[in-house]
């Protein structure tokens, strides 16, 4: 008797993850327009910031290596790649998991959003700019490059001050990622309330 009472009081325990995901996705259209856009397009803001980060880092490294040629060719991938990669990673690890009910933890969502914002939306564009500008430096001989055996140390030497200067940007990206995670978790909470407040859906399951 007590087991039946417990199952009725918490029917979520009797459902598989696939069943819960199906119910949440089914009720996604019942969310407000704001919540839907937050879950679907919120990561684009993080991606746009990542694109600007790539452009700033690229500009810094070009000055360090005295690269003046191929400005448009160098700036294009530094803007486009972070804009594409950052939202894709965020959607896979946060947004999609929230909609499917696989990420039911606010601290986890905040921390994952912050980490993605800092490392994918911040550090990745900075590191990405390094091989591009090293290649341009070697092609146009704008600066003296070391031998291949010392290239890794040389790369870290010129990259370290750029990362220090970009530290406020990295922190800002972490904040944006965490805030976006908070907003999307609130939308997820509304989705859960809409889905599981419907007793008819629970009875059918």
N, C-alpha and C. Protein backbone atom coordinates (compact mmCIF):
# COMPACT_ATOMS: atom_id res chain seq x y z
N UNK A 1 0.83 -1.21 0.00
CA UNK A 1 0.00 0.00 0.00
C UNK A 1 0.86 1.25 0.00
N UNK A 2 1.91 1.21 0.84
CA UNK A 2 2.78 2.38 0.93
C UNK A 2 3.52 2.62 -0.37
N UNK A 3 3.90 1.50 -1.07
CA UNK A 3 4.59 1.65 -2.35
C UNK A 3 3.70 2.28 -3.39
N UNK A 4 2.43 1.90 -3.44
CA UNK A 4 1.49 2.49 -4.38
C UNK A 4 1.29 3.97 -4.10
N UNK A 5 1.21 4.32 -2.81
CA UNK A 5 1.05 5.72 -2.44
C UNK A 5 2.24 6.54 -2.87
N UNK A 6 3.45 5.96 -2.70
CA UNK A 6 4.66 6.68 -3.09
C UNK A 6 4.72 6.88 -4.58
N UNK A 7 4.30 5.88 -5.37
CA UNK A 7 4.31 6.02 -6.82
C UNK A 7 3.31 7.06 -7.28
N UNK A 8 2.15 7.12 -6.63
CA UNK A 8 1.15 8.11 -7.02
C UNK A 8 1.60 9.52 -6.66
N UNK A 9 2.29 9.65 -5.52
CA UNK A 9 2.71 10.98 -5.09
C UNK A 9 3.85 11.50 -5.95
N UNK A 10 4.65 10.59 -6.53
CA UNK A 10 5.77 11.01 -7.38
C UNK A 10 5.81 10.14 -8.63
N UNK A 11 4.92 10.41 -9.60
CA UNK A 11 4.83 9.57 -10.80
C UNK A 11 6.04 9.68 -11.69
N UNK A 12 6.92 10.70 -11.49
CA UNK A 12 8.10 10.86 -12.34
C UNK A 12 9.04 9.65 -12.22
N UNK A 13 9.00 8.98 -11.04
CA UNK A 13 9.91 7.88 -10.82
C UNK A 13 9.56 6.66 -11.67
N UNK A 14 8.31 6.57 -12.08
CA UNK A 14 7.89 5.41 -12.86
C UNK A 14 8.15 5.62 -14.35
N UNK A 15 8.63 6.79 -14.75
CA UNK A 15 8.84 7.09 -16.16
C UNK A 15 10.31 6.93 -16.53
N UNK A 16 10.53 6.49 -17.72
CA UNK A 16 11.89 6.44 -18.24
C UNK A 16 12.29 7.82 -18.74
N UNK A 17 13.59 8.00 -18.93
CA UNK A 17 14.08 9.29 -19.44
C UNK A 17 13.52 9.58 -20.82
N UNK A 18 13.37 8.53 -21.64
CA UNK A 18 12.83 8.72 -22.99
C UNK A 18 11.39 9.21 -22.94
N UNK A 19 10.61 8.70 -22.01
CA UNK A 19 9.21 9.12 -21.88
C UNK A 19 9.12 10.58 -21.43
N UNK A 20 9.97 10.94 -20.47
CA UNK A 20 9.98 12.32 -19.98
C UNK A 20 10.40 13.28 -21.10
N UNK A 21 11.44 12.90 -21.84
CA UNK A 21 11.91 13.74 -22.95
C UNK A 21 10.82 13.94 -23.98
N UNK A 22 10.11 12.87 -24.30
CA UNK A 22 9.04 12.96 -25.29
C UNK A 22 7.94 13.90 -24.84
N UNK A 23 7.59 13.84 -23.56
CA UNK A 23 6.54 14.71 -23.03
C UNK A 23 6.98 16.17 -23.04
N UNK A 24 8.24 16.42 -22.65
CA UNK A 24 8.73 17.80 -22.63
C UNK A 24 8.77 18.40 -24.03
N UNK A 25 9.28 17.64 -24.99
CA UNK A 25 9.35 18.12 -26.37
C UNK A 25 7.95 18.36 -26.93
N UNK A 26 7.02 17.50 -26.56
CA UNK A 26 5.64 17.63 -27.04
C UNK A 26 5.00 18.93 -26.57
N UNK A 27 5.37 19.37 -25.37
CA UNK A 27 4.78 20.57 -24.79
C UNK A 27 5.62 21.82 -25.00
N UNK A 28 6.67 21.71 -25.79
CA UNK A 28 7.56 22.86 -26.00
C UNK A 28 6.82 24.04 -26.60
N UNK A 29 5.89 23.78 -27.52
CA UNK A 29 5.16 24.85 -28.19
C UNK A 29 4.22 25.60 -27.25
N UNK A 30 3.97 25.04 -26.06
CA UNK A 30 3.09 25.69 -25.09
C UNK A 30 3.82 26.74 -24.26
N UNK A 31 5.13 26.78 -24.38
CA UNK A 31 5.89 27.81 -23.69
C UNK A 31 5.59 29.18 -24.28
N UNK A 32 5.88 30.21 -23.51
CA UNK A 32 5.74 31.56 -24.03
C UNK A 32 6.76 31.78 -25.15
N UNK A 33 6.51 32.75 -25.97
CA UNK A 33 7.42 33.06 -27.07
C UNK A 33 8.81 33.41 -26.56
N UNK A 34 8.87 34.11 -25.44
CA UNK A 34 10.16 34.49 -24.86
C UNK A 34 10.95 33.26 -24.42
N UNK A 35 10.28 32.33 -23.74
CA UNK A 35 10.96 31.11 -23.28
C UNK A 35 11.43 30.26 -24.45
N UNK A 36 10.62 30.17 -25.49
CA UNK A 36 11.01 29.39 -26.66
C UNK A 36 12.25 29.99 -27.32
N UNK A 37 12.26 31.31 -27.49
CA UNK A 37 13.41 31.96 -28.12
C UNK A 37 14.65 31.87 -27.24
N UNK A 38 14.46 31.90 -25.91
CA UNK A 38 15.60 31.77 -25.00
C UNK A 38 16.28 30.42 -25.17
N UNK A 39 15.49 29.36 -25.28
CA UNK A 39 16.04 28.02 -25.43
C UNK A 39 16.59 27.77 -26.83
N UNK A 40 15.95 28.34 -27.84
CA UNK A 40 16.34 28.06 -29.22
C UNK A 40 17.48 28.96 -29.71
N UNK A 41 17.44 30.24 -29.33
CA UNK A 41 18.37 31.20 -29.93
C UNK A 41 19.27 31.90 -28.91
N UNK A 42 19.13 31.58 -27.63
CA UNK A 42 19.93 32.27 -26.62
C UNK A 42 21.42 32.10 -26.81
N UNK A 43 21.82 30.93 -27.29
CA UNK A 43 23.25 30.66 -27.46
C UNK A 43 23.88 31.52 -28.56
N UNK A 44 23.06 32.10 -29.42
CA UNK A 44 23.60 32.95 -30.48
C UNK A 44 24.26 34.20 -29.92
N UNK A 45 23.76 34.70 -28.77
CA UNK A 45 24.39 35.86 -28.14
C UNK A 45 25.80 35.51 -27.69
N UNK A 46 25.95 34.31 -27.12
CA UNK A 46 27.27 33.86 -26.70
C UNK A 46 28.18 33.69 -27.91
N UNK A 47 27.62 33.18 -29.02
CA UNK A 47 28.40 33.02 -30.24
C UNK A 47 28.83 34.35 -30.84
N UNK A 48 27.93 35.34 -30.79
CA UNK A 48 28.29 36.66 -31.32
C UNK A 48 29.44 37.27 -30.53
N UNK A 49 29.38 37.15 -29.19
CA UNK A 49 30.48 37.64 -28.36
C UNK A 49 31.77 36.90 -28.66
N UNK A 50 31.66 35.60 -28.94
CA UNK A 50 32.86 34.82 -29.28
C UNK A 50 33.47 35.32 -30.59
N UNK A 51 32.62 35.71 -31.53
CA UNK A 51 33.12 36.26 -32.78
C UNK A 51 33.89 37.55 -32.57
N UNK A 52 33.36 38.44 -31.73
CA UNK A 52 34.08 39.67 -31.40
C UNK A 52 35.39 39.37 -30.67
N UNK A 53 35.35 38.37 -29.80
CA UNK A 53 36.58 37.97 -29.09
C UNK A 53 37.65 37.52 -30.08
N UNK A 54 37.24 36.75 -31.08
CA UNK A 54 38.18 36.29 -32.09
C UNK A 54 38.78 37.45 -32.87
N UNK A 55 37.97 38.43 -33.20
CA UNK A 55 38.48 39.59 -33.94
C UNK A 55 39.47 40.40 -33.11
N UNK A 56 39.16 40.57 -31.82
CA UNK A 56 40.06 41.33 -30.95
C UNK A 56 41.38 40.60 -30.77
N UNK A 57 41.30 39.28 -30.51
CA UNK A 57 42.53 38.50 -30.34
C UNK A 57 43.35 38.48 -31.62
N UNK A 58 42.68 38.38 -32.75
CA UNK A 58 43.39 38.38 -34.04
C UNK A 58 44.12 39.70 -34.25
N UNK A 59 43.46 40.80 -33.89
CA UNK A 59 44.08 42.12 -34.04
C UNK A 59 45.32 42.24 -33.15
N UNK A 60 45.24 41.74 -31.92
CA UNK A 60 46.37 41.81 -31.01
C UNK A 60 47.56 41.01 -31.53
N UNK A 61 47.28 39.79 -31.99
CA UNK A 61 48.37 38.93 -32.47
C UNK A 61 48.98 39.47 -33.76
N UNK A 62 48.19 40.09 -34.60
CA UNK A 62 48.72 40.69 -35.83
C UNK A 62 49.70 41.82 -35.50
N UNK A 63 49.38 42.59 -34.46
CA UNK A 63 50.29 43.66 -34.07
C UNK A 63 51.58 43.10 -33.48
N UNK A 64 51.45 42.04 -32.68
CA UNK A 64 52.64 41.43 -32.07
C UNK A 64 53.57 40.87 -33.14
N UNK A 65 52.99 40.24 -34.17
CA UNK A 65 53.78 39.59 -35.21
C UNK A 65 53.99 40.49 -36.43
N UNK A 66 53.54 41.74 -36.35
CA UNK A 66 53.73 42.72 -37.43
C UNK A 66 53.12 42.26 -38.75
N UNK A 67 51.98 41.59 -38.66
CA UNK A 67 51.30 41.12 -39.87
C UNK A 67 50.37 42.23 -40.36
N UNK A 68 50.63 42.70 -41.58
CA UNK A 68 49.79 43.74 -42.14
C UNK A 68 48.98 43.30 -43.34
N UNK A 69 49.34 42.16 -43.91
CA UNK A 69 48.68 41.67 -45.13
C UNK A 69 47.51 40.75 -44.78
N UNK A 70 46.68 40.52 -45.78
CA UNK A 70 45.55 39.56 -45.69
C UNK A 70 44.66 39.84 -44.50
N UNK A 71 44.30 41.10 -44.32
CA UNK A 71 43.48 41.47 -43.17
C UNK A 71 42.09 40.84 -43.24
N UNK A 72 41.44 40.95 -44.39
CA UNK A 72 40.08 40.41 -44.52
C UNK A 72 40.09 38.88 -44.46
N UNK A 73 41.06 38.28 -45.13
CA UNK A 73 41.16 36.82 -45.14
C UNK A 73 41.38 36.29 -43.73
N UNK A 74 42.14 37.01 -42.92
CA UNK A 74 42.42 36.56 -41.55
C UNK A 74 41.24 36.81 -40.62
N UNK A 75 40.55 37.93 -40.81
CA UNK A 75 39.44 38.26 -39.92
C UNK A 75 38.20 37.40 -40.15
N UNK A 76 38.00 36.97 -41.37
CA UNK A 76 36.79 36.22 -41.69
C UNK A 76 36.66 34.92 -40.89
N UNK A 77 37.67 34.03 -40.90
CA UNK A 77 37.51 32.81 -40.09
C UNK A 77 37.50 33.08 -38.60
N UNK A 78 38.18 34.15 -38.16
CA UNK A 78 38.20 34.46 -36.74
C UNK A 78 36.85 34.94 -36.23
N UNK A 79 36.03 35.45 -37.12
CA UNK A 79 34.68 35.86 -36.73
C UNK A 79 33.68 34.72 -36.93
N UNK A 80 33.80 34.02 -38.05
CA UNK A 80 32.80 33.02 -38.41
C UNK A 80 32.89 31.76 -37.57
N UNK A 81 34.10 31.21 -37.41
CA UNK A 81 34.26 29.94 -36.70
C UNK A 81 33.76 30.00 -35.24
N UNK A 82 34.14 31.01 -34.44
CA UNK A 82 33.60 31.07 -33.08
C UNK A 82 32.09 31.26 -33.05
N UNK A 83 31.55 32.00 -34.01
CA UNK A 83 30.10 32.20 -34.06
C UNK A 83 29.38 30.89 -34.32
N UNK A 84 29.99 30.02 -35.09
CA UNK A 84 29.37 28.72 -35.40
C UNK A 84 29.63 27.68 -34.31
N UNK A 85 30.85 27.63 -33.82
CA UNK A 85 31.23 26.57 -32.89
C UNK A 85 30.63 26.78 -31.51
N UNK A 86 30.68 28.01 -31.00
CA UNK A 86 30.22 28.27 -29.63
C UNK A 86 28.75 27.93 -29.41
N UNK A 87 27.82 28.41 -30.25
CA UNK A 87 26.41 28.01 -30.06
C UNK A 87 26.20 26.51 -30.23
N UNK A 88 26.94 25.90 -31.16
CA UNK A 88 26.78 24.46 -31.39
C UNK A 88 27.14 23.67 -30.14
N UNK A 89 28.28 24.01 -29.52
CA UNK A 89 28.70 23.32 -28.31
C UNK A 89 27.72 23.58 -27.17
N UNK A 90 27.29 24.84 -27.03
CA UNK A 90 26.36 25.19 -25.95
C UNK A 90 25.03 24.46 -26.12
N UNK A 91 24.54 24.39 -27.33
CA UNK A 91 23.25 23.71 -27.57
C UNK A 91 23.33 22.23 -27.24
N UNK A 92 24.45 21.60 -27.62
CA UNK A 92 24.60 20.17 -27.37
C UNK A 92 24.70 19.88 -25.88
N UNK A 93 25.47 20.68 -25.15
CA UNK A 93 25.75 20.39 -23.75
C UNK A 93 24.73 20.97 -22.78
N UNK A 94 24.00 22.01 -23.19
CA UNK A 94 23.08 22.67 -22.26
C UNK A 94 21.65 22.73 -22.80
N UNK A 95 21.43 23.48 -23.87
CA UNK A 95 20.07 23.75 -24.35
C UNK A 95 19.30 22.47 -24.67
N UNK A 96 19.88 21.61 -25.50
CA UNK A 96 19.19 20.39 -25.90
C UNK A 96 18.94 19.46 -24.72
N UNK A 97 19.88 19.41 -23.81
CA UNK A 97 19.72 18.55 -22.63
C UNK A 97 18.63 19.07 -21.71
N UNK A 98 18.47 20.39 -21.65
CA UNK A 98 17.39 20.95 -20.85
C UNK A 98 16.03 20.61 -21.44
N UNK A 99 15.90 20.79 -22.74
CA UNK A 99 14.62 20.52 -23.40
C UNK A 99 14.24 19.04 -23.27
N UNK A 100 15.24 18.16 -23.24
CA UNK A 100 14.98 16.73 -23.12
C UNK A 100 14.86 16.27 -21.67
N UNK A 101 15.07 17.19 -20.73
CA UNK A 101 14.98 16.82 -19.32
C UNK A 101 16.19 16.08 -18.81
N UNK A 102 17.31 16.14 -19.51
CA UNK A 102 18.51 15.42 -19.11
C UNK A 102 19.40 16.24 -18.19
N UNK A 103 19.12 17.53 -18.06
CA UNK A 103 19.92 18.42 -17.22
C UNK A 103 18.99 19.11 -16.23
N UNK A 104 18.71 18.42 -15.13
CA UNK A 104 17.74 18.89 -14.15
C UNK A 104 18.46 19.38 -12.89
N UNK A 105 19.35 20.35 -13.08
CA UNK A 105 20.19 20.81 -11.97
C UNK A 105 20.64 22.24 -12.27
N UNK A 106 20.19 23.20 -11.48
CA UNK A 106 20.53 24.60 -11.72
C UNK A 106 22.02 24.87 -11.56
N UNK A 107 22.68 24.42 -10.46
CA UNK A 107 24.13 24.66 -10.36
C UNK A 107 24.91 24.04 -11.51
N UNK A 108 24.48 22.85 -11.97
CA UNK A 108 25.16 22.21 -13.10
C UNK A 108 25.00 23.03 -14.37
N UNK A 109 23.80 23.57 -14.57
CA UNK A 109 23.55 24.39 -15.76
C UNK A 109 24.37 25.67 -15.72
N UNK A 110 24.44 26.30 -14.55
CA UNK A 110 25.21 27.54 -14.43
C UNK A 110 26.69 27.29 -14.66
N UNK A 111 27.22 26.22 -14.05
CA UNK A 111 28.64 25.94 -14.19
C UNK A 111 29.00 25.54 -15.62
N UNK A 112 28.16 24.73 -16.26
CA UNK A 112 28.44 24.35 -17.64
C UNK A 112 28.36 25.55 -18.57
N UNK A 113 27.38 26.42 -18.34
CA UNK A 113 27.29 27.63 -19.14
C UNK A 113 28.51 28.52 -18.98
N UNK A 114 28.98 28.66 -17.73
CA UNK A 114 30.16 29.49 -17.47
C UNK A 114 31.41 28.90 -18.12
N UNK A 115 31.58 27.59 -18.02
CA UNK A 115 32.75 26.94 -18.60
C UNK A 115 32.76 27.04 -20.13
N UNK A 116 31.59 26.83 -20.73
CA UNK A 116 31.50 26.95 -22.19
C UNK A 116 31.76 28.38 -22.62
N UNK A 117 31.21 29.34 -21.87
CA UNK A 117 31.43 30.73 -22.20
C UNK A 117 32.89 31.12 -22.12
N UNK A 118 33.60 30.64 -21.07
CA UNK A 118 35.00 31.02 -20.89
C UNK A 118 35.92 30.31 -21.87
N UNK A 119 35.77 28.99 -21.99
CA UNK A 119 36.73 28.22 -22.77
C UNK A 119 36.39 28.15 -24.26
N UNK A 120 35.12 27.94 -24.59
CA UNK A 120 34.73 27.85 -26.00
C UNK A 120 34.45 29.23 -26.57
N UNK A 121 33.76 30.07 -25.81
CA UNK A 121 33.42 31.40 -26.29
C UNK A 121 34.49 32.44 -26.06
N UNK A 122 35.53 32.11 -25.26
CA UNK A 122 36.57 33.07 -24.96
C UNK A 122 37.97 32.60 -25.33
N UNK A 123 38.40 31.51 -24.71
CA UNK A 123 39.76 31.03 -24.94
C UNK A 123 39.94 30.43 -26.33
N UNK A 124 38.95 29.70 -26.81
CA UNK A 124 39.05 29.07 -28.13
C UNK A 124 39.34 30.08 -29.25
N UNK A 125 38.61 31.21 -29.33
CA UNK A 125 38.93 32.18 -30.40
C UNK A 125 40.34 32.75 -30.28
N UNK A 126 40.84 32.90 -29.05
CA UNK A 126 42.19 33.43 -28.86
C UNK A 126 43.23 32.45 -29.37
N UNK A 127 43.07 31.19 -28.97
CA UNK A 127 44.01 30.16 -29.41
C UNK A 127 43.91 29.94 -30.91
N UNK A 128 42.70 30.05 -31.44
CA UNK A 128 42.50 29.85 -32.88
C UNK A 128 43.25 30.88 -33.71
N UNK A 129 43.40 32.09 -33.17
CA UNK A 129 44.07 33.16 -33.91
C UNK A 129 45.58 32.93 -34.03
N UNK A 130 46.12 32.10 -33.13
CA UNK A 130 47.58 31.93 -33.12
C UNK A 130 48.12 31.22 -34.37
N UNK A 131 47.66 30.00 -34.70
CA UNK A 131 48.23 29.34 -35.90
C UNK A 131 47.95 30.10 -37.18
N UNK A 132 46.83 30.78 -37.24
CA UNK A 132 46.52 31.57 -38.43
C UNK A 132 47.55 32.67 -38.64
N UNK A 133 47.86 33.38 -37.57
CA UNK A 133 48.81 34.48 -37.69
C UNK A 133 50.25 34.00 -37.80
N UNK A 134 50.55 32.87 -37.22
CA UNK A 134 51.88 32.30 -37.41
C UNK A 134 52.10 31.91 -38.87
N UNK A 135 51.05 31.37 -39.48
CA UNK A 135 51.14 31.02 -40.89
C UNK A 135 51.33 32.24 -41.77
N UNK A 136 50.61 33.32 -41.46
CA UNK A 136 50.77 34.55 -42.23
C UNK A 136 52.14 35.17 -42.01
N UNK A 137 52.63 35.04 -40.78
CA UNK A 137 53.97 35.57 -40.48
C UNK A 137 55.03 34.85 -41.29
N UNK A 138 54.90 33.53 -41.37
CA UNK A 138 55.87 32.75 -42.13
C UNK A 138 55.76 33.05 -43.62
N UNK A 139 54.55 33.27 -44.10
CA UNK A 139 54.36 33.51 -45.53
C UNK A 139 54.89 34.87 -45.95
N UNK A 140 54.58 35.90 -45.18
CA UNK A 140 54.97 37.25 -45.56
C UNK A 140 56.26 37.71 -44.87
N UNK A 141 56.82 36.84 -44.01
CA UNK A 141 58.09 37.14 -43.33
C UNK A 141 58.03 38.49 -42.61
N UNK A 142 56.95 38.69 -41.90
CA UNK A 142 56.78 39.95 -41.18
C UNK A 142 57.52 39.96 -39.85
N UNK A 143 57.87 38.80 -39.35
CA UNK A 143 58.64 38.69 -38.11
C UNK A 143 59.51 37.44 -38.19
N UNK A 144 60.56 37.44 -37.37
CA UNK A 144 61.49 36.30 -37.36
C UNK A 144 60.91 35.20 -36.49
N UNK A 145 60.68 34.05 -37.07
CA UNK A 145 60.15 32.91 -36.33
C UNK A 145 61.27 31.96 -35.94
N UNK A 146 61.14 31.29 -34.78
CA UNK A 146 62.18 30.36 -34.35
C UNK A 146 62.11 29.05 -35.14
N UNK A 147 63.01 28.16 -34.85
CA UNK A 147 62.98 26.83 -35.46
C UNK A 147 61.79 26.04 -34.90
N UNK A 148 61.44 24.98 -35.60
CA UNK A 148 60.27 24.18 -35.21
C UNK A 148 60.39 23.63 -33.80
N UNK A 149 61.60 23.34 -33.37
CA UNK A 149 61.79 22.78 -32.03
C UNK A 149 61.44 23.78 -30.93
N UNK A 150 61.54 25.07 -31.24
CA UNK A 150 61.24 26.12 -30.25
C UNK A 150 59.93 26.84 -30.54
N UNK A 151 59.18 26.34 -31.52
CA UNK A 151 57.97 27.04 -31.93
C UNK A 151 56.90 27.01 -30.84
N UNK A 152 56.80 25.90 -30.12
CA UNK A 152 55.79 25.80 -29.07
C UNK A 152 56.05 26.80 -27.96
N UNK A 153 57.31 26.91 -27.54
CA UNK A 153 57.66 27.88 -26.49
C UNK A 153 57.44 29.30 -26.99
N UNK A 154 57.80 29.55 -28.23
CA UNK A 154 57.59 30.88 -28.82
C UNK A 154 56.09 31.23 -28.86
N UNK A 155 55.29 30.25 -29.22
CA UNK A 155 53.84 30.47 -29.31
C UNK A 155 53.27 30.83 -27.95
N UNK A 156 53.70 30.13 -26.92
CA UNK A 156 53.20 30.42 -25.58
C UNK A 156 53.69 31.80 -25.11
N UNK A 157 54.89 32.16 -25.51
CA UNK A 157 55.45 33.46 -25.11
C UNK A 157 54.62 34.61 -25.64
N UNK A 158 54.18 34.52 -26.90
CA UNK A 158 53.40 35.62 -27.47
C UNK A 158 51.92 35.50 -27.12
N UNK A 159 51.48 34.28 -26.77
CA UNK A 159 50.07 34.09 -26.46
C UNK A 159 49.74 34.49 -25.03
N UNK A 160 50.68 34.31 -24.13
CA UNK A 160 50.44 34.57 -22.71
C UNK A 160 50.02 36.02 -22.42
N UNK A 161 50.73 37.03 -22.93
CA UNK A 161 50.28 38.41 -22.66
C UNK A 161 48.93 38.74 -23.30
N UNK A 162 48.64 38.11 -24.44
CA UNK A 162 47.33 38.33 -25.07
C UNK A 162 46.22 37.79 -24.19
N UNK A 163 46.43 36.61 -23.62
CA UNK A 163 45.42 36.02 -22.73
C UNK A 163 45.23 36.88 -21.49
N UNK A 164 46.33 37.42 -20.96
CA UNK A 164 46.22 38.30 -19.78
C UNK A 164 45.41 39.54 -20.10
N UNK A 165 45.64 40.13 -21.27
CA UNK A 165 44.89 41.32 -21.65
C UNK A 165 43.42 40.99 -21.91
N UNK A 166 43.18 39.76 -22.36
CA UNK A 166 41.81 39.35 -22.68
C UNK A 166 41.09 38.73 -21.49
N UNK A 167 41.72 38.71 -20.32
CA UNK A 167 41.12 38.10 -19.14
C UNK A 167 39.75 38.69 -18.79
N UNK A 168 39.57 40.03 -18.85
CA UNK A 168 38.23 40.56 -18.59
C UNK A 168 37.18 40.04 -19.59
N UNK A 169 37.60 39.82 -20.82
CA UNK A 169 36.68 39.28 -21.82
C UNK A 169 36.31 37.84 -21.47
N UNK A 170 37.28 37.06 -21.01
CA UNK A 170 37.01 35.68 -20.62
C UNK A 170 36.03 35.62 -19.45
N UNK A 171 36.25 36.50 -18.47
CA UNK A 171 35.34 36.55 -17.32
C UNK A 171 33.94 36.99 -17.76
N UNK A 172 33.89 37.95 -18.67
CA UNK A 172 32.59 38.41 -19.17
C UNK A 172 31.87 37.29 -19.91
N UNK A 173 32.60 36.53 -20.72
CA UNK A 173 32.00 35.41 -21.43
C UNK A 173 31.50 34.33 -20.47
N UNK A 174 32.25 34.10 -19.40
CA UNK A 174 31.81 33.15 -18.38
C UNK A 174 30.52 33.63 -17.72
N UNK A 175 30.44 34.94 -17.46
CA UNK A 175 29.22 35.50 -16.87
C UNK A 175 28.03 35.37 -17.82
N UNK A 176 28.26 35.68 -19.10
CA UNK A 176 27.19 35.57 -20.08
C UNK A 176 26.71 34.12 -20.20
N UNK A 177 27.66 33.18 -20.23
CA UNK A 177 27.30 31.77 -20.32
C UNK A 177 26.51 31.31 -19.11
N UNK A 178 26.92 31.77 -17.92
CA UNK A 178 26.21 31.40 -16.70
C UNK A 178 24.82 32.04 -16.66
N UNK A 179 24.73 33.30 -17.05
CA UNK A 179 23.43 33.98 -17.07
C UNK A 179 22.49 33.34 -18.08
N UNK A 180 23.02 32.98 -19.23
CA UNK A 180 22.21 32.30 -20.24
C UNK A 180 21.72 30.96 -19.71
N UNK A 181 22.59 30.25 -18.99
CA UNK A 181 22.18 29.00 -18.37
C UNK A 181 21.06 29.20 -17.37
N UNK A 182 21.14 30.29 -16.61
CA UNK A 182 20.07 30.59 -15.64
C UNK A 182 18.75 30.87 -16.35
N UNK A 183 18.80 31.69 -17.39
CA UNK A 183 17.57 32.02 -18.13
C UNK A 183 16.96 30.78 -18.79
N UNK A 184 17.82 29.93 -19.35
CA UNK A 184 17.30 28.73 -19.99
C UNK A 184 16.77 27.73 -18.96
N UNK A 185 17.37 27.69 -17.79
CA UNK A 185 16.86 26.79 -16.75
C UNK A 185 15.49 27.26 -16.27
N UNK A 186 15.29 28.58 -16.21
CA UNK A 186 13.96 29.10 -15.85
C UNK A 186 12.93 28.70 -16.90
N UNK A 187 13.31 28.78 -18.17
CA UNK A 187 12.41 28.33 -19.24
C UNK A 187 12.13 26.84 -19.13
N UNK A 188 13.16 26.07 -18.79
CA UNK A 188 12.99 24.62 -18.59
C UNK A 188 12.04 24.34 -17.43
N UNK A 189 12.18 25.11 -16.35
CA UNK A 189 11.29 24.94 -15.20
C UNK A 189 9.85 25.20 -15.59
N UNK A 190 9.62 26.22 -16.41
CA UNK A 190 8.26 26.50 -16.89
C UNK A 190 7.75 25.36 -17.76
N UNK A 191 8.65 24.79 -18.56
CA UNK A 191 8.26 23.66 -19.41
C UNK A 191 7.86 22.45 -18.57
N UNK A 192 8.60 22.21 -17.51
CA UNK A 192 8.28 21.09 -16.61
C UNK A 192 6.93 21.31 -15.95
N UNK A 193 6.67 22.54 -15.49
CA UNK A 193 5.39 22.84 -14.86
C UNK A 193 4.23 22.65 -15.82
N UNK A 194 4.41 23.10 -17.06
CA UNK A 194 3.36 22.94 -18.06
C UNK A 194 3.12 21.46 -18.35
N UNK A 195 4.20 20.71 -18.44
CA UNK A 195 4.09 19.30 -18.83
C UNK A 195 3.47 18.44 -17.75
N UNK A 196 3.97 18.57 -16.52
CA UNK A 196 3.56 17.66 -15.45
C UNK A 196 2.42 18.19 -14.60
N UNK A 197 1.95 19.39 -14.89
CA UNK A 197 0.74 19.86 -14.21
C UNK A 197 -0.51 19.31 -14.88
N UNK A 198 -0.31 18.72 -16.06
CA UNK A 198 -1.43 18.13 -16.80
C UNK A 198 -1.62 16.69 -16.33
N UNK A 199 -2.59 16.47 -15.48
CA UNK A 199 -2.81 15.12 -14.94
C UNK A 199 -3.23 14.13 -16.00
N UNK A 200 -3.82 14.60 -17.08
CA UNK A 200 -4.24 13.68 -18.15
C UNK A 200 -3.01 13.02 -18.79
N UNK A 201 -1.93 13.81 -18.99
CA UNK A 201 -0.72 13.26 -19.58
C UNK A 201 -0.13 12.19 -18.68
N UNK A 202 -0.13 12.45 -17.36
CA UNK A 202 0.43 11.49 -16.42
C UNK A 202 -0.38 10.21 -16.42
N UNK A 203 -1.68 10.34 -16.46
CA UNK A 203 -2.53 9.15 -16.44
C UNK A 203 -2.33 8.31 -17.70
N UNK A 204 -2.12 8.97 -18.84
CA UNK A 204 -1.92 8.20 -20.08
C UNK A 204 -0.61 7.44 -20.05
N UNK A 205 0.38 8.00 -19.31
CA UNK A 205 1.67 7.31 -19.24
C UNK A 205 1.59 6.14 -18.28
